[in-house]
Amino acid sequence: MRFQERIKELRTQKNMSQMDLALATKISQSAIAKWELGKTEPTASAIITLAKFFGETTDYLLGMTD
């Protein structure tokens, strides 16, 4: 599973919209949308922020572990 799939899966498991996630992490909704569509890739700091928010490792978010 790639980052775009993982982030969407984690977000929907928490019943969050992209805007909810944006407000909780201070990352723009448009950035989240682009990541989920695979149009852009997140920065290292964004990956770390999301990993902390979801309680996952960065390796998991990047699809390197299950």
PDB file of N, CA and C in Angstrom:
ATOM      1  N   MET A   1       0.846  -1.172   0.000  1.00  0.00           N
ATOM      2  CA  MET A   1       0.000   0.000   0.000  1.00  0.00           C
ATOM      3  C   MET A   1       0.894   1.238   0.000  1.00  0.00           C
ATOM      4  N   ARG A   2       0.529   2.195  -0.791  1.00  0.00           N
ATOM      5  CA  ARG A   2       1.317   3.417  -0.885  1.00  0.00           C
ATOM      6  C   ARG A   2       0.791   4.488   0.062  1.00  0.00           C
ATOM      7  N   PHE A   3       1.590   5.541   0.210  1.00  0.00           N
ATOM      8  CA  PHE A   3       1.235   6.631   1.119  1.00  0.00           C
ATOM      9  C   PHE A   3      -0.179   7.144   0.859  1.00  0.00           C
ATOM     10  N   GLN A   4      -0.506   7.387  -0.393  1.00  0.00           N
ATOM     11  CA  GLN A   4      -1.820   7.958  -0.694  1.00  0.00           C
ATOM     12  C   GLN A   4      -2.958   7.075  -0.191  1.00  0.00           C
ATOM     13  N   GLU A   5      -2.786   5.771  -0.267  1.00  0.00           N
ATOM     14  CA  GLU A   5      -3.822   4.856   0.204  1.00  0.00           C
ATOM     15  C   GLU A   5      -3.845   4.789   1.723  1.00  0.00           C
ATOM     16  N   ARG A   6      -2.664   4.774   2.323  1.00  0.00           N
ATOM     17  CA  ARG A   6      -2.581   4.697   3.782  1.00  0.00           C
ATOM     18  C   ARG A   6      -3.206   5.916   4.444  1.00  0.00           C
ATOM     19  N   ILE A   7      -2.883   7.083   3.940  1.00  0.00           N
ATOM     20  CA  ILE A   7      -3.381   8.298   4.584  1.00  0.00           C
ATOM     21  C   ILE A   7      -4.907   8.379   4.475  1.00  0.00           C
ATOM     22  N   LYS A   8      -5.439   8.009   3.335  1.00  0.00           N
ATOM     23  CA  LYS A   8      -6.897   8.034   3.166  1.00  0.00           C
ATOM     24  C   LYS A   8      -7.554   6.989   4.062  1.00  0.00           C
ATOM     25  N   GLU A   9      -6.959   5.812   4.147  1.00  0.00           N
ATOM     26  CA  GLU A   9      -7.505   4.754   4.990  1.00  0.00           C
ATOM     27  C   GLU A   9      -7.529   5.184   6.461  1.00  0.00           C
ATOM     28  N   LEU A  10      -6.435   5.724   6.939  1.00  0.00           N
ATOM     29  CA  LEU A  10      -6.368   6.170   8.332  1.00  0.00           C
ATOM     30  C   LEU A  10      -7.359   7.296   8.602  1.00  0.00           C
ATOM     31  N   ARG A  11      -7.472   8.208   7.663  1.00  0.00           N
ATOM     32  CA  ARG A  11      -8.407   9.327   7.822  1.00  0.00           C
ATOM     33  C   ARG A  11      -9.850   8.837   7.885  1.00  0.00           C
ATOM     34  N   THR A  12     -10.207   7.931   6.993  1.00  0.00           N
ATOM     35  CA  THR A  12     -11.591   7.451   6.968  1.00  0.00           C
ATOM     36  C   THR A  12     -11.903   6.549   8.164  1.00  0.00           C
ATOM     37  N   GLN A  13     -10.896   5.841   8.677  1.00  0.00           N
ATOM     38  CA  GLN A  13     -11.108   5.036   9.884  1.00  0.00           C
ATOM     39  C   GLN A  13     -11.487   5.908  11.076  1.00  0.00           C
ATOM     40  N   LYS A  14     -10.998   7.132  11.077  1.00  0.00           N
ATOM     41  CA  LYS A  14     -11.326   8.073  12.148  1.00  0.00           C
ATOM     42  C   LYS A  14     -12.565   8.906  11.804  1.00  0.00           C
ATOM     43  N   ASN A  15     -13.232   8.561  10.700  1.00  0.00           N
ATOM     44  CA  ASN A  15     -14.417   9.299  10.242  1.00  0.00           C
ATOM     45  C   ASN A  15     -14.133  10.793  10.105  1.00  0.00           C
ATOM     46  N   MET A  16     -12.987  11.096   9.515  1.00  0.00           N
ATOM     47  CA  MET A  16     -12.587  12.483   9.328  1.00  0.00           C
ATOM     48  C   MET A  16     -12.653  12.864   7.857  1.00  0.00           C
ATOM     49  N   SER A  17     -13.066  14.085   7.612  1.00  0.00           N
ATOM     50  CA  SER A  17     -12.970  14.623   6.257  1.00  0.00           C
ATOM     51  C   SER A  17     -11.550  15.135   6.064  1.00  0.00           C
ATOM     52  N   GLN A  18     -11.231  15.464   4.838  1.00  0.00           N
ATOM     53  CA  GLN A  18      -9.920  16.067   4.589  1.00  0.00           C
ATOM     54  C   GLN A  18      -9.782  17.370   5.366  1.00  0.00           C
ATOM     55  N   MET A  19     -10.856  18.130   5.462  1.00  0.00           N
ATOM     56  CA  MET A  19     -10.813  19.389   6.200  1.00  0.00           C
ATOM     57  C   MET A  19     -10.604  19.143   7.691  1.00  0.00           C
ATOM     58  N   ASP A  20     -11.240  18.122   8.241  1.00  0.00           N
ATOM     59  CA  ASP A  20     -11.031  17.781   9.653  1.00  0.00           C
ATOM     60  C   ASP A  20      -9.554  17.482   9.912  1.00  0.00           C
ATOM     61  N   LEU A  21      -8.959  16.690   9.033  1.00  0.00           N
ATOM     62  CA  LEU A  21      -7.552  16.340   9.174  1.00  0.00           C
ATOM     63  C   LEU A  21      -6.672  17.577   9.017  1.00  0.00           C
ATOM     64  N   ALA A  22      -7.020  18.422   8.089  1.00  0.00           N
ATOM     65  CA  ALA A  22      -6.260  19.654   7.875  1.00  0.00           C
ATOM     66  C   ALA A  22      -6.272  20.526   9.128  1.00  0.00           C
ATOM     67  N   LEU A  23      -7.421  20.686   9.721  1.00  0.00           N
ATOM     68  CA  LEU A  23      -7.530  21.516  10.924  1.00  0.00           C
ATOM     69  C   LEU A  23      -6.778  20.892  12.101  1.00  0.00           C
ATOM     70  N   ALA A  24      -6.826  19.577  12.213  1.00  0.00           N
ATOM     71  CA  ALA A  24      -6.167  18.887  13.334  1.00  0.00           C
ATOM     72  C   ALA A  24      -4.644  18.901  13.217  1.00  0.00           C
ATOM     73  N   THR A  25      -4.138  18.926  11.991  1.00  0.00           N
ATOM     74  CA  THR A  25      -2.688  18.819  11.792  1.00  0.00           C
ATOM     75  C   THR A  25      -2.042  20.121  11.313  1.00  0.00           C
ATOM     76  N   LYS A  26      -2.870  21.117  11.020  1.00  0.00           N
ATOM     77  CA  LYS A  26      -2.376  22.389  10.473  1.00  0.00           C
ATOM     78  C   LYS A  26      -1.674  22.206   9.123  1.00  0.00           C
ATOM     79  N   ILE A  27      -2.173  21.235   8.370  1.00  0.00           N
ATOM     80  CA  ILE A  27      -1.730  20.986   7.000  1.00  0.00           C
ATOM     81  C   ILE A  27      -2.917  21.373   6.112  1.00  0.00           C
ATOM     82  N   SER A  28      -2.666  22.001   4.995  1.00  0.00           N
ATOM     83  CA  SER A  28      -3.786  22.461   4.165  1.00  0.00           C
ATOM     84  C   SER A  28      -4.599  21.294   3.597  1.00  0.00           C
ATOM     85  N   GLN A  29      -5.879  21.543   3.454  1.00  0.00           N
ATOM     86  CA  GLN A  29      -6.777  20.536   2.887  1.00  0.00           C
ATOM     87  C   GLN A  29      -6.386  20.231   1.450  1.00  0.00           C
ATOM     88  N   SER A  30      -5.943  21.234   0.730  1.00  0.00           N
ATOM     89  CA  SER A  30      -5.567  21.006  -0.667  1.00  0.00           C
ATOM     90  C   SER A  30      -4.334  20.108  -0.759  1.00  0.00           C
ATOM     91  N   ALA A  31      -3.405  20.234   0.173  1.00  0.00           N
ATOM     92  CA  ALA A  31      -2.229  19.350   0.188  1.00  0.00           C
ATOM     93  C   ALA A  31      -2.663  17.915   0.448  1.00  0.00           C
ATOM     94  N   ILE A  32      -3.554  17.724   1.402  1.00  0.00           N
ATOM     95  CA  ILE A  32      -4.046  16.382   1.724  1.00  0.00           C
ATOM     96  C   ILE A  32      -4.751  15.780   0.515  1.00  0.00           C
ATOM     97  N   ALA A  33      -5.570  16.570  -0.155  1.00  0.00           N
ATOM     98  CA  ALA A  33      -6.276  16.086  -1.345  1.00  0.00           C
ATOM     99  C   ALA A  33      -5.295  15.667  -2.431  1.00  0.00           C
ATOM    100  N   LYS A  34      -4.266  16.472  -2.645  1.00  0.00           N
ATOM    101  CA  LYS A  34      -3.266  16.143  -3.675  1.00  0.00           C
ATOM    102  C   LYS A  34      -2.508  14.876  -3.322  1.00  0.00           C
ATOM    103  N   TRP A  35      -2.196  14.682  -2.041  1.00  0.00           N
ATOM    104  CA  TRP A  35      -1.508  13.455  -1.623  1.00  0.00           C
ATOM    105  C   TRP A  35      -2.386  12.239  -1.862  1.00  0.00           C
ATOM    106  N   GLU A  36      -3.661  12.343  -1.472  1.00  0.00           N
ATOM    107  CA  GLU A  36      -4.574  11.208  -1.633  1.00  0.00           C
ATOM    108  C   GLU A  36      -4.805  10.866  -3.100  1.00  0.00           C
ATOM    109  N   LEU A  37      -4.701  11.838  -3.965  1.00  0.00           N
ATOM    110  CA  LEU A  37      -4.852  11.598  -5.401  1.00  0.00           C
ATOM    111  C   LEU A  37      -3.537  11.190  -6.064  1.00  0.00           C
ATOM    112  N   GLY A  38      -2.451  11.253  -5.307  1.00  0.00           N
ATOM    113  CA  GLY A  38      -1.153  10.889  -5.844  1.00  0.00           C
ATOM    114  C   GLY A  38      -0.553  11.951  -6.749  1.00  0.00           C
ATOM    115  N   LYS A  39      -1.048  13.179  -6.636  1.00  0.00           N
ATOM    116  CA  LYS A  39      -0.554  14.259  -7.498  1.00  0.00           C
ATOM    117  C   LYS A  39       0.743  14.871  -6.983  1.00  0.00           C
ATOM    118  N   THR A  40       0.917  14.884  -5.670  1.00  0.00           N
ATOM    119  CA  THR A  40       2.142  15.400  -5.071  1.00  0.00           C
ATOM    120  C   THR A  40       2.547  14.477  -3.926  1.00  0.00           C
ATOM    121  N   GLU A  41       3.759  14.697  -3.430  1.00  0.00           N
ATOM    122  CA  GLU A  41       4.251  13.917  -2.300  1.00  0.00           C
ATOM    123  C   GLU A  41       4.476  14.850  -1.116  1.00  0.00           C
ATOM    124  N   PRO A  42       4.260  14.352   0.085  1.00  0.00           N
ATOM    125  CA  PRO A  42       4.421  15.195   1.272  1.00  0.00           C
ATOM    126  C   PRO A  42       5.885  15.425   1.620  1.00  0.00           C
ATOM    127  N   THR A  43       6.111  16.475   2.369  1.00  0.00           N
ATOM    128  CA  THR A  43       7.445  16.731   2.892  1.00  0.00           C
ATOM    129  C   THR A  43       7.708  15.786   4.062  1.00  0.00           C
ATOM    130  N   ALA A  44       8.961  15.684   4.445  1.00  0.00           N
ATOM    131  CA  ALA A  44       9.319  14.848   5.591  1.00  0.00           C
ATOM    132  C   ALA A  44       8.614  15.334   6.851  1.00  0.00           C
ATOM    133  N   SER A  45       8.543  16.641   7.041  1.00  0.00           N
ATOM    134  CA  SER A  45       7.890  17.161   8.246  1.00  0.00           C
ATOM    135  C   SER A  45       6.393  16.850   8.254  1.00  0.00           C
ATOM    136  N   ALA A  46       5.757  16.860   7.100  1.00  0.00           N
ATOM    137  CA  ALA A  46       4.335  16.509   7.030  1.00  0.00           C
ATOM    138  C   ALA A  46       4.126  15.038   7.351  1.00  0.00           C
ATOM    139  N   ILE A  47       5.007  14.177   6.865  1.00  0.00           N
ATOM    140  CA  ILE A  47       4.906  12.748   7.166  1.00  0.00           C
ATOM    141  C   ILE A  47       5.044  12.514   8.668  1.00  0.00           C
ATOM    142  N   ILE A  48       5.980  13.205   9.291  1.00  0.00           N
ATOM    143  CA  ILE A  48       6.171  13.066  10.737  1.00  0.00           C
ATOM    144  C   ILE A  48       4.941  13.559  11.494  1.00  0.00           C
ATOM    145  N   THR A  49       4.394  14.689  11.085  1.00  0.00           N
ATOM    146  CA  THR A  49       3.188  15.226  11.716  1.00  0.00           C
ATOM    147  C   THR A  49       2.034  14.236  11.623  1.00  0.00           C
ATOM    148  N   LEU A  50       1.838  13.658  10.445  1.00  0.00           N
ATOM    149  CA  LEU A  50       0.751  12.698  10.251  1.00  0.00           C
ATOM    150  C   LEU A  50       0.988  11.417  11.047  1.00  0.00           C
ATOM    151  N   ALA A  51       2.227  10.949  11.095  1.00  0.00           N
ATOM    152  CA  ALA A  51       2.544   9.736  11.858  1.00  0.00           C
ATOM    153  C   ALA A  51       2.220   9.951  13.330  1.00  0.00           C
ATOM    154  N   LYS A  52       2.590  11.093  13.867  1.00  0.00           N
ATOM    155  CA  LYS A  52       2.294  11.395  15.277  1.00  0.00           C
ATOM    156  C   LYS A  52       0.789  11.489  15.501  1.00  0.00           C
ATOM    157  N   PHE A  53       0.097  12.160  14.589  1.00  0.00           N
ATOM    158  CA  PHE A  53      -1.351  12.328  14.730  1.00  0.00           C
ATOM    159  C   PHE A  53      -2.067  10.981  14.739  1.00  0.00           C
ATOM    160  N   PHE A  54      -1.710  10.109  13.811  1.00  0.00           N
ATOM    161  CA  PHE A  54      -2.386   8.823  13.693  1.00  0.00           C
ATOM    162  C   PHE A  54      -1.808   7.744  14.607  1.00  0.00           C
ATOM    163  N   GLY A  55      -0.703   8.028  15.282  1.00  0.00           N
ATOM    164  CA  GLY A  55      -0.078   7.038  16.151  1.00  0.00           C
ATOM    165  C   GLY A  55       0.538   5.887  15.382  1.00  0.00           C
ATOM    166  N   GLU A  56       1.070   6.198  14.228  1.00  0.00           N
ATOM    167  CA  GLU A  56       1.704   5.205  13.353  1.00  0.00           C
ATOM    168  C   GLU A  56       3.152   5.599  13.116  1.00  0.00           C
ATOM    169  N   THR A  57       3.914   4.683  12.564  1.00  0.00           N
ATOM    170  CA  THR A  57       5.298   5.008  12.207  1.00  0.00           C
ATOM    171  C   THR A  57       5.335   5.644  10.822  1.00  0.00           C
ATOM    172  N   THR A  58       6.410   6.351  10.567  1.00  0.00           N
ATOM    173  CA  THR A  58       6.579   6.926   9.239  1.00  0.00           C
ATOM    174  C   THR A  58       6.746   5.803   8.217  1.00  0.00           C
ATOM    175  N   ASP A  59       7.403   4.713   8.609  1.00  0.00           N
ATOM    176  CA  ASP A  59       7.548   3.567   7.700  1.00  0.00           C
ATOM    177  C   ASP A  59       6.200   3.006   7.298  1.00  0.00           C
ATOM    178  N   TYR A  60       5.263   2.936   8.256  1.00  0.00           N
ATOM    179  CA  TYR A  60       3.929   2.438   7.933  1.00  0.00           C
ATOM    180  C   TYR A  60       3.242   3.370   6.930  1.00  0.00           C
ATOM    181  N   LEU A  61       3.299   4.678   7.191  1.00  0.00           N
ATOM    182  CA  LEU A  61       2.649   5.631   6.280  1.00  0.00           C
ATOM    183  C   LEU A  61       3.224   5.537   4.870  1.00  0.00           C
ATOM    184  N   LEU A  62       4.527   5.271   4.789  1.00  0.00           N
ATOM    185  CA  LEU A  62       5.177   5.210   3.484  1.00  0.00           C
ATOM    186  C   LEU A  62       5.041   3.843   2.813  1.00  0.00           C
ATOM    187  N   GLY A  63       4.373   2.910   3.479  1.00  0.00           N
ATOM    188  CA  GLY A  63       4.139   1.592   2.886  1.00  0.00           C
ATOM    189  C   GLY A  63       5.327   0.651   2.983  1.00  0.00           C
ATOM    190  N   MET A  64       6.261   0.963   3.880  1.00  0.00           N
ATOM    191  CA  MET A  64       7.445   0.119   4.019  1.00  0.00           C
ATOM    192  C   MET A  64       7.230  -1.026   5.009  1.00  0.00           C
ATOM    193  N   THR A  65       6.228  -0.893   5.876  1.00  0.00           N
ATOM    194  CA  THR A  65       5.862  -1.952   6.816  1.00  0.00           C
ATOM    195  C   THR A  65       4.344  -2.098   6.824  1.00  0.00           C
ATOM    196  N   ASP A  66       3.905  -3.220   7.372  1.00  0.00           N
ATOM    197  CA  ASP A  66       2.441  -3.453   7.479  1.00  0.00           C
ATOM    198  C   ASP A  66       1.945  -3.235   8.879  1.00  0.00           C
TER     199      ASP A  66
END
